[in-house]
Amino acid sequence: MKNNNFSDVVFNRRSIRVYDESIKIERQEMLEMINEAVKAPSSMNLQPWRFVVVDTPEGKEKLKPFIRFNTRQNDTSSAMLLIFGDMESVEYAEEIYNAAVDAGTMSQEMRDKQMEAIIPIYQNLTREKINDVVKIDSSLFAMQMMLVARHHGYDTNAIGGFIEDNLAETFGLDSTRYVPVLILSIGRAIDKGYESMRLDAERLTSFK
């Protein structure tokens, strides 16, 4: 049963490190969750996130050397979602904007203006800047995916401490194009996790 309680989904999210190994998320539901999570915003709507779902024993064995201190998540989760940023996502601009025109959500005139602006901008960006953009955008997806998973009754753990070198190649991706951003473990928690403390907004915020 899906959890439609917004406050519970958002404020009771926990980082879960051990999962019920008897729970297996069907691939169709995983795709459904990803489709919901990609509603997250991205720069110029270029959607630079790309995914590898590791949900087989063989895949998890290949992943294990890359995750060091997070092997419990790998061993017990239903799946490990590898999130990569596509350094050449601008290649999809025409497809994305044409689809918007076909769907009636964007005029042809606006589409043409956007395309005229986007291509030169990306052609002039340094690789370092593109790397920053795709990592920010992919992180927005990751946060949305964690909340979508809770909506579906699952739990997650965001893993940033992993070995990036050769991760893309190991899972069949071109490492010059696809940069590792984050790994999410996804499954059904066997405990509630623990509530971590946050600094108060007053200490973190200034008004001018």
C-alpha atoms as a PDB file:
ATOM      1  CA  MET A   1       0.000   0.000   0.000  1.00  0.00           C
ATOM      2  CA  LYS A   2       1.331   3.417  -0.951  1.00  0.00           C
ATOM      3  CA  ASN A   3       1.971   5.981   1.747  1.00  0.00           C
ATOM      4  CA  ASN A   4       0.178   9.223   0.870  1.00  0.00           C
ATOM      5  CA  ASN A   5       0.942  10.943   4.172  1.00  0.00           C
ATOM      6  CA  PHE A   6       3.238  13.777   3.060  1.00  0.00           C
ATOM      7  CA  SER A   7       4.519  14.580   6.555  1.00  0.00           C
ATOM      8  CA  ASP A   8       5.349  10.952   7.262  1.00  0.00           C
ATOM      9  CA  VAL A   9       7.083  10.482   3.912  1.00  0.00           C
ATOM     10  CA  VAL A  10       9.252  13.567   4.348  1.00  0.00           C
ATOM     11  CA  PHE A  11       9.852  13.939   8.071  1.00  0.00           C
ATOM     12  CA  ASN A  12      10.119  10.284   9.051  1.00  0.00           C
ATOM     13  CA  ARG A  13      12.583   9.343   6.325  1.00  0.00           C
ATOM     14  CA  ARG A  14      15.609   7.588   7.797  1.00  0.00           C
ATOM     15  CA  SER A  15      18.877   6.296   6.361  1.00  0.00           C
ATOM     16  CA  ILE A  16      18.374   2.533   6.478  1.00  0.00           C
ATOM     17  CA  ARG A  17      21.380   0.271   6.354  1.00  0.00           C
ATOM     18  CA  VAL A  18      19.827  -3.186   6.826  1.00  0.00           C
ATOM     19  CA  TYR A  19      16.830  -4.433   4.855  1.00  0.00           C
ATOM     20  CA  ASP A  20      14.401  -7.335   4.789  1.00  0.00           C
ATOM     21  CA  GLU A  21      16.082  -9.708   2.359  1.00  0.00           C
ATOM     22  CA  SER A  22      12.778 -11.435   1.575  1.00  0.00           C
ATOM     23  CA  ILE A  23      11.420  -8.275  -0.089  1.00  0.00           C
ATOM     24  CA  LYS A  24      12.135  -8.025  -3.810  1.00  0.00           C
ATOM     25  CA  ILE A  25      11.067  -4.933  -5.726  1.00  0.00           C
ATOM     26  CA  GLU A  26       9.762  -5.935  -9.133  1.00  0.00           C
ATOM     27  CA  ARG A  27      11.580  -4.257 -12.004  1.00  0.00           C
ATOM     28  CA  GLN A  28       8.346  -2.762 -13.329  1.00  0.00           C
ATOM     29  CA  GLU A  29       7.754  -1.039  -9.998  1.00  0.00           C
ATOM     30  CA  MET A  30      11.357   0.175  -9.955  1.00  0.00           C
ATOM     31  CA  LEU A  31      10.795   1.748 -13.361  1.00  0.00           C
ATOM     32  CA  GLU A  32       7.556   3.274 -12.081  1.00  0.00           C
ATOM     33  CA  MET A  33       9.412   4.854  -9.161  1.00  0.00           C
ATOM     34  CA  ILE A  34      12.158   6.174 -11.432  1.00  0.00           C
ATOM     35  CA  ASN A  35       9.551   7.647 -13.773  1.00  0.00           C
ATOM     36  CA  GLU A  36       8.002   9.449 -10.812  1.00  0.00           C
ATOM     37  CA  ALA A  37      11.355  10.649  -9.488  1.00  0.00           C
ATOM     38  CA  VAL A  38      12.515  12.100 -12.818  1.00  0.00           C
ATOM     39  CA  LYS A  39       9.868  14.785 -12.339  1.00  0.00           C
ATOM     40  CA  ALA A  40      12.669  16.459 -10.364  1.00  0.00           C
ATOM     41  CA  PRO A  41      13.956  19.718 -11.862  1.00  0.00           C
ATOM     42  CA  SER A  42      17.110  19.920 -13.941  1.00  0.00           C
ATOM     43  CA  SER A  43      19.037  22.717 -15.599  1.00  0.00           C
ATOM     44  CA  MET A  44      17.294  23.607 -18.867  1.00  0.00           C
ATOM     45  CA  ASN A  45      15.331  20.377 -18.430  1.00  0.00           C
ATOM     46  CA  LEU A  46      18.179  18.356 -19.922  1.00  0.00           C
ATOM     47  CA  GLN A  47      17.663  15.549 -17.388  1.00  0.00           C
ATOM     48  CA  PRO A  48      21.322  14.441 -17.225  1.00  0.00           C
ATOM     49  CA  TRP A  49      20.695  11.570 -14.809  1.00  0.00           C
ATOM     50  CA  ARG A  50      21.328   7.997 -15.947  1.00  0.00           C
ATOM     51  CA  PHE A  51      20.783   4.824 -13.912  1.00  0.00           C
ATOM     52  CA  VAL A  52      21.995   1.296 -13.383  1.00  0.00           C
ATOM     53  CA  VAL A  53      19.776  -0.851 -11.144  1.00  0.00           C
ATOM     54  CA  VAL A  54      21.857  -3.557  -9.492  1.00  0.00           C
ATOM     55  CA  ASP A  55      19.383  -6.186  -8.290  1.00  0.00           C
ATOM     56  CA  THR A  56      21.028  -9.537  -9.008  1.00  0.00           C
ATOM     57  CA  PRO A  57      23.528 -11.458  -6.857  1.00  0.00           C
ATOM     58  CA  GLU A  58      26.038 -11.241  -9.701  1.00  0.00           C
ATOM     59  CA  GLY A  59      25.613  -7.480 -10.010  1.00  0.00           C
ATOM     60  CA  LYS A  60      25.926  -6.952  -6.268  1.00  0.00           C
ATOM     61  CA  GLU A  61      29.097  -9.012  -6.203  1.00  0.00           C
ATOM     62  CA  LYS A  62      30.570  -6.744  -8.898  1.00  0.00           C
ATOM     63  CA  LEU A  63      29.520  -3.677  -6.905  1.00  0.00           C
ATOM     64  CA  LYS A  64      30.889  -4.843  -3.556  1.00  0.00           C
ATOM     65  CA  PRO A  65      34.529  -3.722  -4.064  1.00  0.00           C
ATOM     66  CA  PHE A  66      33.357  -0.169  -4.761  1.00  0.00           C
ATOM     67  CA  ILE A  67      31.320   0.420  -1.607  1.00  0.00           C
ATOM     68  CA  ARG A  68      33.744  -0.413   1.202  1.00  0.00           C
ATOM     69  CA  PHE A  69      31.856   0.485   4.412  1.00  0.00           C
ATOM     70  CA  ASN A  70      28.367  -0.012   3.011  1.00  0.00           C
ATOM     71  CA  THR A  71      28.325  -3.735   2.326  1.00  0.00           C
ATOM     72  CA  ARG A  72      25.290  -4.364   4.571  1.00  0.00           C
ATOM     73  CA  GLN A  73      23.147  -2.206   2.326  1.00  0.00           C
ATOM     74  CA  ASN A  74      24.448  -4.037  -0.744  1.00  0.00           C
ATOM     75  CA  ASP A  75      23.908  -7.474   0.791  1.00  0.00           C
ATOM     76  CA  THR A  76      20.394  -6.950   2.167  1.00  0.00           C
ATOM     77  CA  SER A  77      18.698  -4.351  -0.065  1.00  0.00           C
ATOM     78  CA  SER A  78      16.338  -5.228  -2.868  1.00  0.00           C
ATOM     79  CA  ALA A  79      18.446  -3.126  -5.212  1.00  0.00           C
ATOM     80  CA  MET A  80      21.294  -0.670  -5.416  1.00  0.00           C
ATOM     81  CA  LEU A  81      20.559   2.258  -7.712  1.00  0.00           C
ATOM     82  CA  LEU A  82      23.705   3.688  -9.305  1.00  0.00           C
ATOM     83  CA  ILE A  83      23.158   7.284 -10.371  1.00  0.00           C
ATOM     84  CA  PHE A  84      25.411   8.749 -13.046  1.00  0.00           C
ATOM     85  CA  GLY A  85      25.526  12.195 -14.621  1.00  0.00           C
ATOM     86  CA  ASP A  86      25.618  12.355 -18.416  1.00  0.00           C
ATOM     87  CA  MET A  87      28.251  14.872 -19.497  1.00  0.00           C
ATOM     88  CA  GLU A  88      26.716  14.974 -22.978  1.00  0.00           C
ATOM     89  CA  SER A  89      23.067  15.286 -22.001  1.00  0.00           C
ATOM     90  CA  VAL A  90      22.691  18.271 -24.320  1.00  0.00           C
ATOM     91  CA  GLU A  91      22.418  15.686 -27.110  1.00  0.00           C
ATOM     92  CA  TYR A  92      18.895  15.001 -25.844  1.00  0.00           C
ATOM     93  CA  ALA A  93      17.797  18.646 -25.979  1.00  0.00           C
ATOM     94  CA  GLU A  94      16.091  18.397 -29.349  1.00  0.00           C
ATOM     95  CA  GLU A  95      14.250  15.200 -28.412  1.00  0.00           C
ATOM     96  CA  ILE A  96      13.081  16.680 -25.100  1.00  0.00           C
ATOM     97  CA  TYR A  97      11.905  19.982 -26.522  1.00  0.00           C
ATOM     98  CA  ASN A  98      10.252  18.392 -29.546  1.00  0.00           C
ATOM     99  CA  ALA A  99       8.312  16.138 -27.179  1.00  0.00           C
ATOM    100  CA  ALA A 100       7.116  19.210 -25.287  1.00  0.00           C
ATOM    101  CA  VAL A 101       5.840  20.740 -28.519  1.00  0.00           C
ATOM    102  CA  ASP A 102       4.102  17.490 -29.487  1.00  0.00           C
ATOM    103  CA  ALA A 103       2.466  17.318 -26.051  1.00  0.00           C
ATOM    104  CA  GLY A 104       1.233  20.880 -26.348  1.00  0.00           C
ATOM    105  CA  THR A 105       3.125  22.119 -23.302  1.00  0.00           C
ATOM    106  CA  MET A 106       5.458  24.355 -25.315  1.00  0.00           C
ATOM    107  CA  SER A 107       4.972  26.397 -28.471  1.00  0.00           C
ATOM    108  CA  GLN A 108       7.159  25.845 -31.509  1.00  0.00           C
ATOM    109  CA  GLU A 109       8.380  29.433 -31.156  1.00  0.00           C
ATOM    110  CA  MET A 110       9.453  28.890 -27.542  1.00  0.00           C
ATOM    111  CA  ARG A 111      11.082  25.589 -28.495  1.00  0.00           C
ATOM    112  CA  ASP A 112      13.152  27.309 -31.196  1.00  0.00           C
ATOM    113  CA  LYS A 113      14.235  30.080 -28.824  1.00  0.00           C
ATOM    114  CA  GLN A 114      15.248  27.590 -26.170  1.00  0.00           C
ATOM    115  CA  MET A 115      17.247  25.493 -28.605  1.00  0.00           C
ATOM    116  CA  GLU A 116      19.021  28.585 -29.961  1.00  0.00           C
ATOM    117  CA  ALA A 117      20.040  29.490 -26.418  1.00  0.00           C
ATOM    118  CA  ILE A 118      20.908  26.083 -24.990  1.00  0.00           C
ATOM    119  CA  ILE A 119      23.302  24.740 -27.624  1.00  0.00           C
ATOM    120  CA  PRO A 120      25.735  27.714 -27.561  1.00  0.00           C
ATOM    121  CA  ILE A 121      25.681  27.811 -23.766  1.00  0.00           C
ATOM    122  CA  TYR A 122      26.697  24.169 -23.458  1.00  0.00           C
ATOM    123  CA  GLN A 123      29.266  24.436 -26.224  1.00  0.00           C
ATOM    124  CA  ASN A 124      31.020  27.139 -24.196  1.00  0.00           C
ATOM    125  CA  LEU A 125      30.900  25.429 -20.806  1.00  0.00           C
ATOM    126  CA  THR A 126      34.067  23.858 -19.449  1.00  0.00           C
ATOM    127  CA  ARG A 127      34.017  20.172 -18.609  1.00  0.00           C
ATOM    128  CA  GLU A 128      34.391  21.131 -14.948  1.00  0.00           C
ATOM    129  CA  LYS A 129      31.267  23.296 -15.090  1.00  0.00           C
ATOM    130  CA  ILE A 130      29.237  20.625 -16.885  1.00  0.00           C
ATOM    131  CA  ASN A 131      30.371  18.161 -14.223  1.00  0.00           C
ATOM    132  CA  ASP A 132      29.035  20.518 -11.538  1.00  0.00           C
ATOM    133  CA  VAL A 133      25.709  20.920 -13.324  1.00  0.00           C
ATOM    134  CA  VAL A 134      25.051  17.229 -13.891  1.00  0.00           C
ATOM    135  CA  LYS A 135      25.952  16.362 -10.308  1.00  0.00           C
ATOM    136  CA  ILE A 136      23.629  19.005  -8.888  1.00  0.00           C
ATOM    137  CA  ASP A 137      20.794  17.897 -11.161  1.00  0.00           C
ATOM    138  CA  SER A 138      21.344  14.205 -10.454  1.00  0.00           C
ATOM    139  CA  SER A 139      21.353  14.912  -6.724  1.00  0.00           C
ATOM    140  CA  LEU A 140      17.943  16.566  -7.082  1.00  0.00           C
ATOM    141  CA  PHE A 141      16.718  13.338  -8.670  1.00  0.00           C
ATOM    142  CA  ALA A 142      18.271  11.302  -5.841  1.00  0.00           C
ATOM    143  CA  MET A 143      16.401  13.227  -3.141  1.00  0.00           C
ATOM    144  CA  GLN A 144      13.143  12.883  -5.040  1.00  0.00           C
ATOM    145  CA  MET A 145      13.776   9.166  -5.529  1.00  0.00           C
ATOM    146  CA  MET A 146      14.205   8.666  -1.787  1.00  0.00           C
ATOM    147  CA  LEU A 147      10.827  10.282  -1.135  1.00  0.00           C
ATOM    148  CA  VAL A 148       9.160   8.397  -3.985  1.00  0.00           C
ATOM    149  CA  ALA A 149      10.502   5.140  -2.538  1.00  0.00           C
ATOM    150  CA  ARG A 150       8.902   5.969   0.822  1.00  0.00           C
ATOM    151  CA  HIS A 151       5.643   6.743  -0.981  1.00  0.00           C
ATOM    152  CA  HIS A 152       5.844   3.187  -2.368  1.00  0.00           C
ATOM    153  CA  GLY A 153       6.534   1.742   1.084  1.00  0.00           C
ATOM    154  CA  TYR A 154      10.301   1.304   0.785  1.00  0.00           C
ATOM    155  CA  ASP A 155      13.330   2.810   2.466  1.00  0.00           C
ATOM    156  CA  THR A 156      16.677   4.063   1.234  1.00  0.00           C
ATOM    157  CA  ASN A 157      20.196   5.024   2.136  1.00  0.00           C
ATOM    158  CA  ALA A 158      22.157   7.584   0.146  1.00  0.00           C
ATOM    159  CA  ILE A 159      25.751   6.438  -0.269  1.00  0.00           C
ATOM    160  CA  GLY A 160      28.350   8.975  -1.291  1.00  0.00           C
ATOM    161  CA  GLY A 161      31.377   7.167   0.102  1.00  0.00           C
ATOM    162  CA  PHE A 162      32.209   4.818  -2.742  1.00  0.00           C
ATOM    163  CA  ILE A 163      35.111   4.294  -5.135  1.00  0.00           C
ATOM    164  CA  GLU A 164      34.370   6.130  -8.367  1.00  0.00           C
ATOM    165  CA  ASP A 165      37.273   4.860 -10.480  1.00  0.00           C
ATOM    166  CA  ASN A 166      36.148   2.226 -13.003  1.00  0.00           C
ATOM    167  CA  LEU A 167      32.583   2.093 -11.633  1.00  0.00           C
ATOM    168  CA  ALA A 168      31.102   3.173 -14.958  1.00  0.00           C
ATOM    169  CA  GLU A 169      33.161   0.703 -16.988  1.00  0.00           C
ATOM    170  CA  THR A 170      32.347  -2.133 -14.609  1.00  0.00           C
ATOM    171  CA  PHE A 171      28.662  -1.650 -15.376  1.00  0.00           C
ATOM    172  CA  GLY A 172      29.042  -1.103 -19.097  1.00  0.00           C
ATOM    173  CA  LEU A 173      29.153   2.702 -19.305  1.00  0.00           C
ATOM    174  CA  ASP A 174      31.653   5.064 -20.905  1.00  0.00           C
ATOM    175  CA  SER A 175      33.518   6.725 -18.026  1.00  0.00           C
ATOM    176  CA  THR A 176      34.391   9.795 -20.087  1.00  0.00           C
ATOM    177  CA  ARG A 177      30.686  10.498 -20.577  1.00  0.00           C
ATOM    178  CA  TYR A 178      29.031   9.159 -17.415  1.00  0.00           C
ATOM    179  CA  VAL A 179      30.283  10.392 -14.030  1.00  0.00           C
ATOM    180  CA  PRO A 180      29.267   8.627 -10.800  1.00  0.00           C
ATOM    181  CA  VAL A 181      27.135  10.823  -8.536  1.00  0.00           C
ATOM    182  CA  LEU A 182      25.493   8.742  -5.812  1.00  0.00           C
ATOM    183  CA  ILE A 183      24.362   5.231  -4.938  1.00  0.00           C
ATOM    184  CA  LEU A 184      20.987   4.572  -3.306  1.00  0.00           C
ATOM    185  CA  SER A 185      20.196   1.334  -1.536  1.00  0.00           C
ATOM    186  CA  ILE A 186      16.461   0.563  -1.721  1.00  0.00           C
ATOM    187  CA  GLY A 187      14.402  -2.008   0.129  1.00  0.00           C
ATOM    188  CA  ARG A 188      12.095  -2.619   3.076  1.00  0.00           C
ATOM    189  CA  ALA A 189      13.652  -1.676   6.416  1.00  0.00           C
ATOM    190  CA  ILE A 190      13.802  -4.279   9.186  1.00  0.00           C
ATOM    191  CA  ASP A 191      14.091  -1.525  11.790  1.00  0.00           C
ATOM    192  CA  LYS A 192      13.165   2.149  11.981  1.00  0.00           C
ATOM    193  CA  GLY A 193      16.701   3.483  11.821  1.00  0.00           C
ATOM    194  CA  TYR A 194      17.468   6.431  14.048  1.00  0.00           C
ATOM    195  CA  GLU A 195      16.658  10.103  13.963  1.00  0.00           C
ATOM    196  CA  SER A 196      19.715  12.259  13.363  1.00  0.00           C
ATOM    197  CA  MET A 197      19.873  15.810  14.607  1.00  0.00           C
ATOM    198  CA  ARG A 198      19.904  18.899  12.403  1.00  0.00           C
ATOM    199  CA  LEU A 199      21.264  22.367  13.043  1.00  0.00           C
ATOM    200  CA  ASP A 200      18.566  24.953  13.574  1.00  0.00           C
ATOM    201  CA  ALA A 201      17.591  27.209  10.665  1.00  0.00           C
ATOM    202  CA  GLU A 202      18.465  30.307  12.671  1.00  0.00           C
ATOM    203  CA  ARG A 203      22.106  29.241  12.791  1.00  0.00           C
ATOM    204  CA  LEU A 204      22.232  28.564   9.072  1.00  0.00           C
ATOM    205  CA  THR A 205      20.258  31.450   7.639  1.00  0.00           C
ATOM    206  CA  SER A 206      20.688  35.179   7.193  1.00  0.00           C
ATOM    207  CA  PHE A 207      18.151  37.706   5.904  1.00  0.00           C
ATOM    208  CA  LYS A 208      19.251  40.818   4.034  1.00  0.00           C
END
